[in-house]
Protein backbone atom coordinates (compact mmCIF):
# COMPACT_ATOMS: atom_id res chain seq x y z
CA MET A 1 -25.93 72.86 28.08
CA ASP A 2 -30.29 71.73 26.81
CA ARG A 3 -30.32 68.79 24.76
CA VAL A 4 -29.93 69.50 20.87
CA ASP A 5 -32.11 68.24 18.74
CA TRP A 6 -29.74 67.03 15.55
CA ARG A 7 -31.88 67.11 12.99
CA SER A 8 -32.60 70.73 13.30
CA ILE A 9 -29.20 71.32 12.25
CA PRO A 10 -28.24 71.85 8.93
CA SER A 11 -25.87 69.45 7.36
CA PRO A 12 -23.47 69.79 7.12
CA LEU A 13 -22.48 72.03 9.85
CA TYR A 14 -20.06 74.76 9.08
CA LEU A 15 -18.57 76.52 12.45
CA PRO A 16 -14.86 76.99 11.24
CA GLY A 17 -12.92 78.71 13.99
CA ALA A 18 -15.64 78.48 16.60
CA GLU A 19 -15.28 78.24 20.46
CA LEU A 20 -16.87 75.11 21.37
CA GLY A 21 -14.80 73.82 24.41
CA LEU A 22 -16.96 71.56 26.52
CA VAL A 23 -19.65 71.28 24.44
CA GLU A 24 -21.98 67.89 25.34
CA TRP A 25 -22.48 66.08 22.05
CA PRO A 26 -22.43 62.24 22.62
CA GLY A 27 -24.43 60.85 19.46
CA ALA A 28 -24.41 63.99 17.47
CA VAL A 29 -24.10 63.30 13.57
CA LEU A 30 -21.99 65.95 12.03
CA ASP A 31 -20.74 63.73 9.27
CA ARG A 32 -19.01 66.24 6.51
CA ALA A 33 -18.82 69.41 9.38
CA ASP A 34 -16.41 71.95 8.77
CA LEU A 35 -14.68 72.29 12.50
CA SER A 36 -11.33 73.46 11.07
CA ASN A 37 -9.33 75.83 13.68
CA CYS A 38 -12.11 74.87 16.09
CA ASN A 39 -11.29 74.79 20.02
CA LEU A 40 -13.24 71.71 21.12
CA VAL A 41 -10.69 71.24 24.39
CA GLY A 42 -12.82 68.69 26.14
CA ALA A 43 -16.20 68.20 24.64
CA ASN A 44 -17.55 65.22 24.73
CA LEU A 45 -18.32 63.18 21.55
CA ALA A 46 -18.61 60.13 22.14
CA GLY A 47 -20.16 57.68 20.14
CA ALA A 48 -20.45 60.90 17.60
CA SER A 49 -20.63 60.55 13.76
CA LEU A 50 -18.37 62.87 12.23
CA ALA A 51 -17.34 61.26 8.84
CA GLY A 52 -15.61 63.59 6.23
CA ALA A 53 -15.55 66.17 8.52
CA ILE A 54 -12.96 68.92 8.42
CA LEU A 55 -11.01 69.07 11.83
CA THR A 56 -7.51 70.74 10.26
CA GLY A 57 -5.65 72.62 12.60
CA ALA A 58 -8.97 71.99 15.87
CA ASN A 59 -7.67 72.06 18.99
CA LEU A 60 -8.71 68.55 20.60
CA VAL A 61 -7.34 68.53 23.96
CA GLY A 62 -8.88 65.98 25.95
CA VAL A 63 -11.97 65.29 23.92
CA ASN A 64 -13.55 61.87 24.38
CA PHE A 65 -14.55 60.69 20.68
CA ALA A 66 -14.36 57.22 22.07
CA GLY A 67 -16.52 54.71 19.93
CA ALA A 68 -17.00 57.85 17.41
CA ASN A 69 -17.47 57.62 13.96
CA LEU A 70 -14.30 59.69 12.08
CA GLN A 71 -13.43 57.53 8.89
CA ASN A 72 -12.12 59.79 6.13
CA ALA A 73 -12.09 63.05 8.53
CA ASP A 74 -9.46 65.59 8.16
CA LEU A 75 -7.78 66.02 10.86
CA GLY A 76 -4.29 66.99 9.83
CA GLU A 77 -2.35 69.80 11.98
CA ALA A 78 -4.98 69.03 14.92
CA CYS A 79 -4.21 68.51 18.39
CA LEU A 80 -5.29 65.72 20.02
CA HIS A 81 -3.14 65.48 23.10
CA ARG A 82 -4.61 63.48 25.96
CA SER A 83 -8.02 62.61 23.83
CA ASN A 84 -9.56 59.84 23.74
CA LEU A 85 -10.03 57.52 20.48
CA CYS A 86 -10.74 54.04 22.13
CA PHE A 87 -13.14 52.08 19.89
CA ALA A 88 -12.82 54.86 17.25
CA ASN A 89 -13.11 54.32 13.35
CA LEU A 90 -10.49 56.64 11.87
CA ARG A 91 -10.51 54.15 8.62
CA GLY A 92 -8.88 56.36 5.70
CA ALA A 93 -8.55 59.80 7.88
CA ASN A 94 -6.30 62.27 7.49
CA LEU A 95 -4.44 63.02 11.04
CA CYS A 96 -0.91 64.28 8.80
CA GLY A 97 1.22 66.23 11.37
CA ALA A 98 -1.46 65.69 14.41
CA ASP A 99 -0.34 65.48 18.19
CA LEU A 100 -1.64 62.54 19.40
CA SER A 101 0.50 62.48 22.59
CA GLY A 102 -0.67 60.92 25.36
CA ALA A 103 -4.08 59.88 23.41
CA LYS A 104 -5.55 56.73 23.83
CA LEU A 105 -6.44 54.44 20.63
CA TYR A 106 -7.05 51.29 22.66
CA GLU A 107 -8.50 48.70 20.06
CA ALA A 108 -9.04 52.05 17.39
CA GLU A 109 -10.17 50.84 14.05
CA VAL A 110 -7.28 52.99 12.15
CA GLN A 111 -6.91 50.97 8.40
CA GLY A 112 -5.16 53.04 5.50
CA ALA A 113 -4.72 56.56 7.87
CA TYR A 114 -2.51 59.23 7.16
CA PHE A 115 0.21 59.95 9.95
CA TYR A 116 3.07 61.53 8.28
CA ARG A 117 4.90 63.24 10.90
CA SER A 118 2.08 62.89 13.48
CA ASN A 119 3.23 62.83 17.28
CA PHE A 120 1.74 59.83 18.77
CA SER A 121 5.38 59.82 21.92
CA GLY A 122 3.51 58.00 25.16
CA ALA A 123 0.24 57.52 23.22
CA ASP A 124 -2.00 54.08 23.92
CA LEU A 125 -2.43 51.98 20.83
CA SER A 126 -2.61 48.60 22.29
CA LYS A 127 -4.51 46.30 20.34
CA ALA A 128 -5.25 49.42 17.64
CA HIS A 129 -6.04 48.23 13.69
CA LEU A 130 -3.48 50.17 12.23
CA TYR A 131 -3.09 47.81 9.11
CA GLY A 132 -1.93 49.85 5.97
CA CYS A 133 -1.27 52.98 7.78
CA TYR A 134 1.19 55.85 6.47
CA LEU A 135 3.58 56.29 9.34
CA VAL A 136 6.40 57.67 7.74
CA ARG A 137 8.06 60.21 10.19
CA ALA A 138 5.87 59.56 12.90
CA ASN A 139 6.86 59.90 16.53
CA LEU A 140 5.70 56.69 18.19
CA SER A 141 8.18 56.95 21.34
CA GLY A 142 7.46 55.46 24.32
CA ALA A 143 4.30 54.60 23.01
CA ASN A 144 2.24 51.13 24.06
CA LEU A 145 1.60 49.17 20.63
CA SER A 146 1.37 46.10 22.60
CA GLY A 147 -0.99 43.43 20.20
CA ALA A 148 -1.89 46.23 17.44
CA ASP A 149 -1.71 45.33 13.76
CA LEU A 150 0.76 47.25 11.94
CA ARG A 151 0.83 44.89 9.04
CA SER A 152 1.36 46.54 5.97
CA THR A 153 2.09 49.62 7.51
CA ASN A 154 4.88 52.24 5.88
CA LEU A 155 7.06 53.26 9.09
CA PHE A 156 9.57 55.09 6.89
CA GLN A 157 12.22 56.94 9.28
CA ALA A 158 9.45 56.63 12.45
CA ASN A 159 10.73 56.82 15.67
CA LEU A 160 9.77 53.39 17.79
CA SER A 161 12.00 53.90 20.67
CA GLY A 162 10.98 53.05 23.85
CA ALA A 163 7.69 51.90 22.45
CA ASN A 164 5.76 48.14 24.18
CA LEU A 165 5.77 46.38 20.85
CA THR A 166 4.80 43.12 22.57
CA GLY A 167 2.71 41.16 20.15
CA THR A 168 2.51 44.03 17.84
CA LYS A 169 1.89 42.36 14.18
CA PHE A 170 4.34 43.61 11.68
CA ARG A 171 4.36 41.22 8.79
CA GLY A 172 4.27 43.02 5.13
CA ALA A 173 5.37 46.82 7.27
CA LYS A 174 7.98 48.62 5.17
CA ASN A 175 10.34 50.73 6.09
CA LEU A 176 10.68 48.67 9.74
CA GLN A 177 14.06 49.82 11.11
């Protein structure tokens, strides 16, 4: 695919339901874009800025979001299975009902994000900054949370069975069972 001049794309971008699998958009500026229900399977969005973007219901399987800015983005009900979110900024993002099974969130910045009923089974959240997150009814079974910061997080009915909790910080966490 040819290089895209991001200055020529109207902002915010509006492409709900588009088929965009395997696109190469590293470093793209897609703030406030509407990519709801898009198919972005295997796309490369490393270092991209999607602050405030709408990705509800999007198919994001295997997407590379390493170092991306997804602050305040809406990823509710999105499928992020096996996606790379290492070092990504997800502060204040909505990921309620999202499938993050097998995803990599190593050292991701996730403070204040919403993960009601999200699936993190088998995900790598080692050293992730989850301070003040809403993980009510989240499935964290078999997840790697070693060294993660879960201080002041709401874990009501969260499933932590089989999770690696070595060095995890829980001070002030609510509803930890």
